[in-house]
């Protein structure tokens, strides 16, 4: 039997992958650089949101198993990832 948290995380990643594939197909269908760039730019928002959501679900699932100090380290790592992703 699958763990509900793992299933939720995997479902979000599958949804993210499906969105990426649909966006690529849409770019091919539009066949215009400016419109493809708009589609690509919208994906820049989806990726970090999926990352935050899956990480949050995973942290909630681990919250009863992690000591407070380890939880702080994991949270700090996630914050560093987000800064690295969102800073341009």
N, C-alpha and C. Protein backbone atom coordinates (compact mmCIF):
# COMPACT_ATOMS: atom_id res chain seq x y z
N UNK A 1 0.84 -1.18 0.00
CA UNK A 1 0.00 0.00 0.00
C UNK A 1 0.89 1.25 0.00
N UNK A 2 0.54 2.21 -0.83
CA UNK A 2 1.33 3.43 -0.96
C UNK A 2 1.08 4.39 0.19
N UNK A 3 2.12 5.04 0.61
CA UNK A 3 2.02 6.08 1.62
C UNK A 3 1.29 7.27 1.00
N UNK A 4 0.33 7.86 1.71
CA UNK A 4 -0.45 8.98 1.18
C UNK A 4 0.42 10.19 0.87
N UNK A 5 1.41 10.43 1.69
CA UNK A 5 2.27 11.59 1.47
C UNK A 5 3.12 11.39 0.23
N UNK A 6 3.69 10.20 0.08
CA UNK A 6 4.49 9.91 -1.12
C UNK A 6 3.61 9.97 -2.36
N UNK A 7 2.41 9.46 -2.27
CA UNK A 7 1.47 9.51 -3.40
C UNK A 7 1.14 10.96 -3.76
N UNK A 8 0.95 11.80 -2.76
CA UNK A 8 0.66 13.22 -3.02
C UNK A 8 1.84 13.90 -3.69
N UNK A 9 3.04 13.63 -3.19
CA UNK A 9 4.23 14.24 -3.78
C UNK A 9 4.43 13.78 -5.22
N UNK A 10 4.27 12.49 -5.45
CA UNK A 10 4.43 11.95 -6.80
C UNK A 10 3.36 12.50 -7.74
N UNK A 11 2.15 12.65 -7.24
CA UNK A 11 1.06 13.19 -8.07
C UNK A 11 1.36 14.62 -8.50
N UNK A 12 1.87 15.41 -7.58
CA UNK A 12 2.24 16.79 -7.94
C UNK A 12 3.33 16.81 -9.00
N UNK A 13 4.31 15.93 -8.87
CA UNK A 13 5.39 15.87 -9.86
C UNK A 13 4.87 15.39 -11.21
N UNK A 14 3.95 14.43 -11.20
CA UNK A 14 3.34 13.98 -12.46
C UNK A 14 2.56 15.12 -13.12
N UNK A 15 1.83 15.87 -12.29
CA UNK A 15 1.08 17.01 -12.81
C UNK A 15 2.04 18.05 -13.40
N UNK A 16 3.14 18.29 -12.71
CA UNK A 16 4.13 19.25 -13.20
C UNK A 16 4.71 18.80 -14.54
N UNK A 17 5.04 17.53 -14.64
CA UNK A 17 5.56 16.99 -15.89
C UNK A 17 4.55 17.09 -17.02
N UNK A 18 3.30 16.84 -16.71
CA UNK A 18 2.24 16.93 -17.71
C UNK A 18 2.09 18.38 -18.19
N UNK A 19 2.16 19.32 -17.27
CA UNK A 19 2.09 20.74 -17.64
C UNK A 19 3.26 21.10 -18.55
N UNK A 20 4.45 20.61 -18.24
CA UNK A 20 5.64 20.89 -19.06
C UNK A 20 5.47 20.33 -20.48
N UNK A 21 4.98 19.10 -20.58
CA UNK A 21 4.79 18.49 -21.90
C UNK A 21 3.72 19.24 -22.68
N UNK A 22 2.62 19.59 -22.02
CA UNK A 22 1.55 20.35 -22.69
C UNK A 22 2.07 21.71 -23.16
N UNK A 23 2.89 22.34 -22.36
CA UNK A 23 3.46 23.64 -22.75
C UNK A 23 4.36 23.49 -23.98
N UNK A 24 5.15 22.43 -24.01
CA UNK A 24 6.02 22.20 -25.17
C UNK A 24 5.19 21.96 -26.43
N UNK A 25 4.12 21.18 -26.30
CA UNK A 25 3.25 20.94 -27.45
C UNK A 25 2.55 22.23 -27.89
N UNK A 26 2.16 23.06 -26.93
CA UNK A 26 1.54 24.34 -27.25
C UNK A 26 2.52 25.25 -27.99
N UNK A 27 3.76 25.26 -27.56
CA UNK A 27 4.79 26.06 -28.25
C UNK A 27 4.92 25.61 -29.71
N UNK A 28 4.94 24.30 -29.91
CA UNK A 28 5.05 23.78 -31.27
C UNK A 28 3.83 24.16 -32.10
N UNK A 29 2.67 24.10 -31.48
CA UNK A 29 1.43 24.42 -32.20
C UNK A 29 1.36 25.91 -32.55
N UNK A 30 1.78 26.77 -31.61
CA UNK A 30 1.74 28.22 -31.86
C UNK A 30 2.75 28.62 -32.93
N UNK A 31 3.92 27.98 -32.91
CA UNK A 31 4.95 28.18 -33.93
C UNK A 31 5.36 29.64 -34.11
N UNK A 32 5.34 30.40 -33.02
CA UNK A 32 5.79 31.79 -33.04
C UNK A 32 6.67 32.04 -31.82
N UNK A 33 7.80 32.67 -32.05
CA UNK A 33 8.77 32.86 -30.97
C UNK A 33 8.18 33.65 -29.82
N UNK A 34 7.49 34.75 -30.11
CA UNK A 34 6.97 35.59 -29.03
C UNK A 34 5.94 34.86 -28.18
N UNK A 35 5.07 34.10 -28.80
CA UNK A 35 4.06 33.34 -28.05
C UNK A 35 4.70 32.18 -27.28
N UNK A 36 5.68 31.54 -27.89
CA UNK A 36 6.39 30.45 -27.20
C UNK A 36 7.12 30.99 -25.98
N UNK A 37 7.65 32.19 -26.09
CA UNK A 37 8.34 32.81 -24.96
C UNK A 37 7.37 33.11 -23.82
N UNK A 38 6.16 33.50 -24.13
CA UNK A 38 5.14 33.74 -23.11
C UNK A 38 4.79 32.43 -22.40
N UNK A 39 4.62 31.37 -23.17
CA UNK A 39 4.33 30.06 -22.58
C UNK A 39 5.48 29.62 -21.69
N UNK A 40 6.70 29.79 -22.16
CA UNK A 40 7.88 29.41 -21.40
C UNK A 40 7.99 30.23 -20.11
N UNK A 41 7.69 31.50 -20.18
CA UNK A 41 7.75 32.36 -19.00
C UNK A 41 6.74 31.94 -17.95
N UNK A 42 5.59 31.49 -18.39
CA UNK A 42 4.58 31.04 -17.42
C UNK A 42 5.03 29.78 -16.70
N UNK A 43 5.86 28.98 -17.35
CA UNK A 43 6.40 27.78 -16.70
C UNK A 43 7.37 28.13 -15.58
N UNK A 44 7.99 29.30 -15.67
CA UNK A 44 8.92 29.73 -14.63
C UNK A 44 8.19 29.93 -13.30
N UNK A 45 6.91 30.15 -13.34
CA UNK A 45 6.11 30.29 -12.13
C UNK A 45 5.68 28.93 -11.59
N UNK A 46 5.36 28.01 -12.49
CA UNK A 46 4.84 26.70 -12.09
C UNK A 46 5.91 25.87 -11.37
N UNK A 47 7.12 25.86 -11.88
CA UNK A 47 8.19 25.04 -11.30
C UNK A 47 8.43 25.30 -9.82
N UNK A 48 8.69 26.54 -9.43
CA UNK A 48 8.91 26.82 -8.00
C UNK A 48 7.69 26.52 -7.13
N UNK A 49 6.50 26.74 -7.67
CA UNK A 49 5.29 26.44 -6.88
C UNK A 49 5.17 24.94 -6.60
N UNK A 50 5.48 24.13 -7.60
CA UNK A 50 5.45 22.68 -7.41
C UNK A 50 6.53 22.27 -6.42
N UNK A 51 7.71 22.86 -6.53
CA UNK A 51 8.80 22.56 -5.60
C UNK A 51 8.38 22.88 -4.17
N UNK A 52 7.79 24.05 -3.97
CA UNK A 52 7.36 24.45 -2.62
C UNK A 52 6.28 23.49 -2.11
N UNK A 53 5.33 23.16 -2.96
CA UNK A 53 4.23 22.28 -2.54
C UNK A 53 4.73 20.88 -2.17
N UNK A 54 5.57 20.29 -3.02
CA UNK A 54 6.05 18.93 -2.72
C UNK A 54 6.95 18.92 -1.49
N UNK A 55 7.77 19.94 -1.35
CA UNK A 55 8.64 20.02 -0.17
C UNK A 55 7.82 20.20 1.10
N UNK A 56 6.79 21.02 1.03
CA UNK A 56 5.92 21.23 2.19
C UNK A 56 5.23 19.94 2.59
N UNK A 57 4.71 19.23 1.61
CA UNK A 57 4.05 17.95 1.91
C UNK A 57 5.04 16.98 2.56
N UNK A 58 6.24 16.91 2.00
CA UNK A 58 7.26 16.01 2.56
C UNK A 58 7.66 16.41 3.97
N UNK A 59 7.80 17.70 4.22
CA UNK A 59 8.17 18.16 5.56
C UNK A 59 7.06 17.90 6.57
N UNK A 60 5.83 18.08 6.15
CA UNK A 60 4.71 17.76 7.04
C UNK A 60 4.72 16.28 7.38
N UNK A 61 5.02 15.45 6.39
CA UNK A 61 5.08 14.01 6.62
C UNK A 61 6.21 13.61 7.55
N UNK A 62 7.30 14.37 7.54
CA UNK A 62 8.45 14.05 8.39
C UNK A 62 8.43 14.79 9.72
N UNK A 63 7.52 15.71 9.89
CA UNK A 63 7.55 16.59 11.06
C UNK A 63 7.54 15.84 12.39
N UNK A 64 6.88 14.71 12.45
CA UNK A 64 6.86 13.95 13.71
C UNK A 64 8.14 13.14 13.92
N UNK A 65 8.93 12.97 12.86
CA UNK A 65 10.15 12.17 12.96
C UNK A 65 11.41 13.02 13.08
N UNK A 66 11.32 14.31 12.77
CA UNK A 66 12.49 15.18 12.82
C UNK A 66 12.56 15.92 14.15
N UNK A 67 13.76 16.06 14.66
CA UNK A 67 13.95 16.90 15.84
C UNK A 67 13.84 18.36 15.39
N UNK A 68 13.53 19.26 16.30
CA UNK A 68 13.40 20.67 15.91
C UNK A 68 14.66 21.23 15.24
N UNK A 69 15.84 20.83 15.69
CA UNK A 69 17.06 21.36 15.08
C UNK A 69 17.22 20.85 13.64
N UNK A 70 16.90 19.59 13.39
CA UNK A 70 16.98 19.06 12.03
C UNK A 70 15.93 19.72 11.13
N UNK A 71 14.77 19.99 11.69
CA UNK A 71 13.71 20.65 10.92
C UNK A 71 14.18 22.04 10.49
N UNK A 72 14.88 22.74 11.38
CA UNK A 72 15.41 24.07 11.04
C UNK A 72 16.43 23.95 9.90
N UNK A 73 17.29 22.95 9.95
CA UNK A 73 18.28 22.76 8.89
C UNK A 73 17.61 22.46 7.54
N UNK A 74 16.59 21.62 7.57
CA UNK A 74 15.87 21.31 6.33
C UNK A 74 15.19 22.57 5.80
N UNK A 75 14.55 23.32 6.67
CA UNK A 75 13.88 24.56 6.25
C UNK A 75 14.89 25.55 5.68
N UNK A 76 16.07 25.65 6.30
CA UNK A 76 17.11 26.54 5.80
C UNK A 76 17.57 26.11 4.41
N UNK A 77 17.67 24.82 4.19
CA UNK A 77 18.05 24.31 2.88
C UNK A 77 17.01 24.65 1.82
N UNK A 78 15.75 24.52 2.17
CA UNK A 78 14.67 24.85 1.23
C UNK A 78 14.71 26.34 0.91
N UNK A 79 14.94 27.17 1.92
CA UNK A 79 15.02 28.61 1.70
C UNK A 79 16.19 28.94 0.76
N UNK A 80 17.32 28.28 0.97
CA UNK A 80 18.47 28.49 0.09
C UNK A 80 18.14 28.08 -1.35
N UNK A 81 17.43 26.98 -1.52
CA UNK A 81 17.01 26.55 -2.86
C UNK A 81 16.13 27.61 -3.51
N UNK A 82 15.17 28.10 -2.75
CA UNK A 82 14.25 29.09 -3.31
C UNK A 82 14.98 30.38 -3.69
N UNK A 83 15.91 30.82 -2.86
CA UNK A 83 16.68 32.01 -3.18
C UNK A 83 17.48 31.78 -4.46
N UNK A 84 18.08 30.62 -4.58
CA UNK A 84 18.85 30.29 -5.77
C UNK A 84 17.98 30.21 -7.04
N UNK A 85 16.77 29.74 -6.90
CA UNK A 85 15.89 29.59 -8.04
C UNK A 85 15.29 30.94 -8.45
N UNK A 86 14.86 31.72 -7.48
CA UNK A 86 14.14 32.94 -7.78
C UNK A 86 15.03 34.14 -8.05
N UNK A 87 16.26 34.14 -7.59
CA UNK A 87 17.18 35.25 -7.87
C UNK A 87 17.70 35.13 -9.29
N UNK A 88 17.67 36.23 -10.00
CA UNK A 88 18.16 36.19 -11.39
C UNK A 88 19.22 37.21 -11.60
